[in-house]
């Protein structure tokens, strides 16, 4: 998985972002803005959160774009980790006070459109600085926003019992382009903490029907790509990417994912997987 992103996968990521933005906005339009999407966020709050990310991402690709109105934002960004990103999101929402759904929807649609326009003629592996000092390729930036739309779309849908299918093709981009992208280009302090460093190397392979396998090595607290010939200790293959993402973001339990057959764990030392995932983790 050390190869760069192909033009075909780059087109898939941009198409997915356009499609899922429209789908998310259709869902929000049909849902009462005061309904609670999570324990702490209303539908309007959730829309504001997703919109804040799109706004921030346009600023990353277009320095001329009006910045987020958050005093002292940029000095804070290198210190954000997966364990403190919730605090970062709270800071953004305290300063972004707009909660009128149509205004938020118009802003999200415009910012995604500008992000896609800015990315159209740029290389998918061109990087921008991200949280925690990570470097994210443009393809990964789009994939991350796709995942936000899918995850938070599910939150909004559950507020009123609406169905929200998560397409495997689009969900797979999060692992393939974002997570693998920050491992390839440098994740900085993003995953500091988690499992203590170990002298024992652990190789885990992720695979699905929607993307090429990703084989990662955790050794002495550092995450890298494993050598092509390295034998996996644990394998999460033949899984549904949407379910795996929901597990990683604390929406579905690991037990439920395994019992339903949506996530399958195998390998010669699968008991090493929990320690690996305490390091290679996402906010939940």
Protein backbone atom coordinates (compact mmCIF):
# COMPACT_ATOMS: atom_id res chain seq x y z
CA UNK A 1 0.00 0.00 0.00
CA UNK A 2 2.96 2.28 -0.42
CA UNK A 3 1.85 3.24 -3.94
CA UNK A 4 0.39 6.64 -4.62
CA UNK A 5 -3.32 7.18 -5.25
CA UNK A 6 -4.43 6.44 -8.81
CA UNK A 7 -6.38 8.94 -10.86
CA UNK A 8 -9.30 6.52 -10.90
CA UNK A 9 -9.46 6.34 -7.08
CA UNK A 10 -9.09 10.13 -6.96
CA UNK A 11 -12.17 10.47 -9.18
CA UNK A 12 -14.06 8.01 -6.99
CA UNK A 13 -13.25 10.05 -3.87
CA UNK A 14 -14.41 13.34 -5.41
CA UNK A 15 -17.58 11.75 -6.79
CA UNK A 16 -18.33 10.21 -3.40
CA UNK A 17 -17.93 13.57 -1.69
CA UNK A 18 -20.35 15.26 -4.10
CA UNK A 19 -22.87 12.40 -3.83
CA UNK A 20 -22.77 12.07 -0.04
CA UNK A 21 -23.01 15.84 0.49
CA UNK A 22 -26.24 15.93 -1.50
CA UNK A 23 -27.58 12.89 0.29
CA UNK A 24 -26.72 14.29 3.73
CA UNK A 25 -28.36 17.63 2.96
CA UNK A 26 -31.51 15.90 1.70
CA UNK A 27 -31.68 13.99 4.98
CA UNK A 28 -31.13 17.07 7.14
CA UNK A 29 -33.78 18.98 5.21
CA UNK A 30 -36.30 16.27 6.09
CA UNK A 31 -35.38 16.12 9.80
CA UNK A 32 -36.43 18.56 12.57
CA UNK A 33 -33.34 20.65 13.40
CA UNK A 34 -34.05 20.45 17.14
CA UNK A 35 -34.14 16.63 17.17
CA UNK A 36 -31.21 15.10 19.04
CA UNK A 37 -28.79 13.32 16.72
CA UNK A 38 -26.47 12.29 19.58
CA UNK A 39 -26.55 12.62 23.34
CA UNK A 40 -25.13 16.14 23.09
CA UNK A 41 -25.76 17.42 19.54
CA UNK A 42 -29.02 18.35 17.85
CA UNK A 43 -29.44 17.88 14.11
CA UNK A 44 -28.59 21.57 13.68
CA UNK A 45 -25.44 21.14 15.81
CA UNK A 46 -24.44 18.14 13.71
CA UNK A 47 -24.92 20.12 10.50
CA UNK A 48 -22.83 22.95 11.97
CA UNK A 49 -20.07 20.47 12.89
CA UNK A 50 -19.89 18.92 9.43
CA UNK A 51 -20.01 22.38 7.93
CA UNK A 52 -17.12 23.55 10.11
CA UNK A 53 -14.95 20.75 8.72
CA UNK A 54 -15.82 21.59 5.11
CA UNK A 55 -15.03 25.26 5.82
CA UNK A 56 -11.69 24.33 7.40
CA UNK A 57 -10.80 22.03 4.50
CA UNK A 58 -11.45 24.74 1.92
CA UNK A 59 -9.07 26.98 3.90
CA UNK A 60 -6.42 24.25 3.66
CA UNK A 61 -6.60 24.09 -0.12
CA UNK A 62 -7.31 27.79 -0.74
CA UNK A 63 -5.44 30.22 1.56
CA UNK A 64 -7.55 33.08 0.17
CA UNK A 65 -10.75 31.59 1.57
CA UNK A 66 -12.17 33.48 4.59
CA UNK A 67 -10.82 31.71 7.73
CA UNK A 68 -12.91 30.17 10.45
CA UNK A 69 -13.83 32.87 13.00
CA UNK A 70 -12.09 31.12 15.88
CA UNK A 71 -9.46 33.20 17.71
CA UNK A 72 -6.13 31.46 18.16
CA UNK A 73 -7.23 28.42 16.14
CA UNK A 74 -4.06 27.65 14.18
CA UNK A 75 -1.63 27.49 17.14
CA UNK A 76 -3.89 24.85 18.71
CA UNK A 77 -4.03 22.52 15.71
CA UNK A 78 -0.62 20.77 16.06
CA UNK A 79 -1.49 19.66 19.60
CA UNK A 80 -4.83 18.05 18.75
CA UNK A 81 -4.88 14.25 19.00
CA UNK A 82 -7.62 11.67 18.52
CA UNK A 83 -8.17 11.82 22.29
CA UNK A 84 -8.68 15.61 22.35
CA UNK A 85 -10.45 16.17 19.03
CA UNK A 86 -13.82 16.28 20.84
CA UNK A 87 -12.59 19.33 22.74
CA UNK A 88 -11.45 20.87 19.44
CA UNK A 89 -14.91 20.29 17.96
CA UNK A 90 -16.54 21.93 20.99
CA UNK A 91 -14.34 25.01 20.54
CA UNK A 92 -15.41 25.29 16.90
CA UNK A 93 -19.11 24.98 17.72
CA UNK A 94 -18.91 27.58 20.49
CA UNK A 95 -17.60 30.12 17.99
CA UNK A 96 -19.74 29.07 15.04
CA UNK A 97 -23.11 30.07 16.48
CA UNK A 98 -25.25 29.87 13.33
CA UNK A 99 -27.92 27.15 13.71
CA UNK A 100 -30.44 28.14 11.04
CA UNK A 101 -30.62 24.97 8.90
CA UNK A 102 -30.90 26.61 5.49
CA UNK A 103 -27.96 28.94 6.11
CA UNK A 104 -25.84 26.03 7.33
CA UNK A 105 -26.88 23.85 4.39
CA UNK A 106 -26.08 26.59 1.88
CA UNK A 107 -22.65 27.10 3.47
CA UNK A 108 -21.86 23.36 3.45
CA UNK A 109 -22.93 22.98 -0.17
CA UNK A 110 -20.88 26.00 -1.25
CA UNK A 111 -17.76 24.95 0.68
CA UNK A 112 -17.84 21.39 -0.63
CA UNK A 113 -18.28 22.75 -4.14
CA UNK A 114 -15.27 25.03 -3.67
CA UNK A 115 -13.22 22.19 -2.19
CA UNK A 116 -13.99 19.96 -5.17
CA UNK A 117 -13.22 22.74 -7.63
CA UNK A 118 -9.89 23.43 -5.94
CA UNK A 119 -8.97 19.73 -5.99
CA UNK A 120 -10.01 18.99 -9.56
CA UNK A 121 -6.68 19.81 -11.21
CA UNK A 122 -4.38 18.94 -8.31
CA UNK A 123 -2.59 15.70 -7.52
CA UNK A 124 -4.37 13.31 -5.13
CA UNK A 125 -1.20 12.82 -3.05
CA UNK A 126 -0.46 16.53 -2.62
CA UNK A 127 -0.53 17.03 1.15
CA UNK A 128 -1.86 19.70 3.47
CA UNK A 129 -1.19 20.14 7.21
CA UNK A 130 -3.88 18.66 9.42
CA UNK A 131 -4.65 18.12 13.09
CA UNK A 132 -1.84 16.91 15.32
CA UNK A 133 0.82 17.85 12.80
CA UNK A 134 -0.35 15.12 10.42
CA UNK A 135 0.07 15.52 6.68
CA UNK A 136 -3.06 14.52 4.77
CA UNK A 137 -3.16 13.99 1.00
CA UNK A 138 -5.97 15.75 -0.83
CA UNK A 139 -7.57 12.39 -1.63
CA UNK A 140 -7.53 11.61 2.10
CA UNK A 141 -9.04 14.99 2.92
CA UNK A 142 -12.00 14.26 0.66
CA UNK A 143 -12.28 10.73 2.04
CA UNK A 144 -12.33 12.03 5.61
CA UNK A 145 -15.19 14.39 4.81
CA UNK A 146 -17.08 11.56 3.08
CA UNK A 147 -16.77 9.53 6.28
CA UNK A 148 -18.01 12.46 8.39
CA UNK A 149 -21.08 12.73 6.17
CA UNK A 150 -21.73 8.99 6.43
CA UNK A 151 -21.21 8.71 10.18
CA UNK A 152 -23.14 11.85 11.10
CA UNK A 153 -25.77 11.08 8.51
CA UNK A 154 -26.45 7.90 10.44
CA UNK A 155 -26.72 9.93 13.66
CA UNK A 156 -29.27 12.25 12.04
CA UNK A 157 -31.24 9.39 10.48
CA UNK A 158 -31.53 7.58 13.81
CA UNK A 159 -33.09 10.69 15.37
CA UNK A 160 -36.31 9.94 13.48
CA UNK A 161 -35.86 6.25 12.64
CA UNK A 162 -35.04 6.82 8.98
CA UNK A 163 -32.94 4.30 7.06
CA UNK A 164 -29.38 5.35 6.23
CA UNK A 165 -27.55 2.73 4.16
CA UNK A 166 -23.79 3.23 4.09
CA UNK A 167 -22.37 2.29 0.67
CA UNK A 168 -19.32 0.08 1.00
CA UNK A 169 -17.56 1.73 -1.94
CA UNK A 170 -17.68 5.16 -0.32
CA UNK A 171 -17.02 3.97 3.23
CA UNK A 172 -13.88 2.10 2.11
CA UNK A 173 -12.23 5.39 1.15
CA UNK A 174 -11.66 6.26 4.81
CA UNK A 175 -9.20 3.42 5.36
CA UNK A 176 -7.76 3.40 1.85
CA UNK A 177 -7.16 7.11 1.35
CA UNK A 178 -7.31 8.85 4.73
CA UNK A 179 -5.90 6.45 7.32
CA UNK A 180 -3.39 4.92 4.93
CA UNK A 181 -2.62 8.42 3.67
CA UNK A 182 -1.61 9.80 7.06
CA UNK A 183 0.50 6.72 7.74
CA UNK A 184 2.25 7.22 4.40
CA UNK A 185 2.81 10.96 4.70
CA UNK A 186 3.20 11.35 8.47
CA UNK A 187 0.68 11.35 11.30
CA UNK A 188 2.62 13.67 13.63
CA UNK A 189 1.09 13.58 17.14
CA UNK A 190 -2.34 12.53 15.94
CA UNK A 191 -2.33 9.09 17.59
CA UNK A 192 -0.08 9.89 20.55
CA UNK A 193 -1.06 7.91 23.62
CA UNK A 194 -3.11 4.76 23.34
CA UNK A 195 -1.34 1.45 23.79
CA UNK A 196 2.14 1.63 25.40
CA UNK A 197 5.07 0.90 23.05
CA UNK A 198 5.95 -2.76 22.68
CA UNK A 199 9.03 -4.52 21.39
CA UNK A 200 6.77 -7.09 19.78
CA UNK A 201 5.86 -6.13 16.20
CA UNK A 202 2.21 -6.61 15.23
CA UNK A 203 1.07 -6.81 11.61
CA UNK A 204 -2.60 -6.33 10.81
CA UNK A 205 -4.18 -6.55 7.38
CA UNK A 206 -7.42 -4.78 6.45
CA UNK A 207 -9.22 -5.85 3.31
CA UNK A 208 -12.60 -5.63 1.64
CA UNK A 209 -14.21 -6.08 -1.75
CA UNK A 210 -14.04 -2.33 -2.35
CA UNK A 211 -10.33 -1.47 -2.08
CA UNK A 212 -6.86 -2.96 -2.17
CA UNK A 213 -5.69 -4.51 1.14
CA UNK A 214 -3.85 -2.33 3.65
CA UNK A 215 -1.20 -4.12 5.74
CA UNK A 216 0.11 -2.13 8.72
CA UNK A 217 2.92 -2.71 11.22
CA UNK A 218 2.90 -1.46 14.81
CA UNK A 219 6.33 -1.68 16.45
CA UNK A 220 7.75 0.29 19.38
CA UNK A 221 4.79 2.63 19.27
CA UNK A 222 5.20 3.56 15.60
CA UNK A 223 2.77 2.75 12.81
CA UNK A 224 4.17 2.03 9.33
CA UNK A 225 3.32 -0.09 6.32
CA UNK A 226 4.38 -3.70 6.70
CA UNK A 227 6.75 -5.28 4.20
CA UNK A 228 4.85 -7.05 1.40
CA UNK A 229 6.09 -10.43 2.61
CA UNK A 230 5.23 -9.90 6.29
CA UNK A 231 2.76 -12.42 7.68
CA UNK A 232 -0.28 -10.79 9.31
CA UNK A 233 -0.87 -11.55 12.97
CA UNK A 234 -4.51 -10.53 12.56
CA UNK A 235 -6.66 -9.97 9.50
CA UNK A 236 -9.87 -7.97 9.17
CA UNK A 237 -10.85 -8.99 5.67
CA UNK A 238 -14.08 -9.59 3.82
CA UNK A 239 -15.64 -6.91 6.02
CA UNK A 240 -18.21 -4.24 5.27
CA UNK A 241 -16.28 -0.94 5.40
CA UNK A 242 -19.27 1.00 6.70
CA UNK A 243 -19.63 -1.30 9.69
CA UNK A 244 -15.90 -1.18 10.43
CA UNK A 245 -16.01 2.62 10.39
CA UNK A 246 -19.02 2.63 12.72
CA UNK A 247 -17.09 0.38 15.11
CA UNK A 248 -14.04 2.64 14.97
CA UNK A 249 -16.18 5.68 15.76
CA UNK A 250 -18.03 4.04 18.64
CA UNK A 251 -21.42 3.74 16.92
CA UNK A 252 -21.50 -0.08 16.80
CA UNK A 253 -19.90 -2.46 19.29
CA UNK A 254 -17.18 -4.85 18.15
CA UNK A 255 -19.22 -7.76 19.46
CA UNK A 256 -22.26 -6.82 17.39
CA UNK A 257 -20.16 -6.27 14.28
CA UNK A 258 -18.59 -9.72 14.60
CA UNK A 259 -21.84 -11.52 15.48
CA UNK A 260 -23.60 -10.05 12.45
CA UNK A 261 -20.76 -11.14 10.19
CA UNK A 262 -20.10 -7.59 8.98
CA UNK A 263 -16.57 -7.67 10.46
CA UNK A 264 -14.56 -10.89 10.44
CA UNK A 265 -11.33 -11.31 12.37
CA UNK A 266 -8.86 -14.08 11.58
CA UNK A 267 -5.12 -14.69 11.56
CA UNK A 268 -2.50 -16.59 13.49
CA UNK A 269 -2.52 -14.24 16.53
CA UNK A 270 -5.86 -12.41 16.52
CA UNK A 271 -5.57 -11.70 20.27
CA UNK A 272 -2.98 -9.02 19.39
CA UNK A 273 -5.60 -6.98 17.54
CA UNK A 274 -7.08 -5.11 20.57
CA UNK A 275 -3.67 -3.71 21.52
CA UNK A 276 -3.08 -2.66 17.93
CA UNK A 277 -6.44 -0.86 17.82
CA UNK A 278 -5.71 0.97 21.07
CA UNK A 279 -2.95 2.70 19.11
CA UNK A 280 -4.48 2.82 15.63
CA UNK A 281 -7.68 4.47 16.72
CA UNK A 282 -10.17 7.18 15.84
CA UNK A 283 -12.30 9.47 18.05
CA UNK A 284 -15.32 7.68 19.49
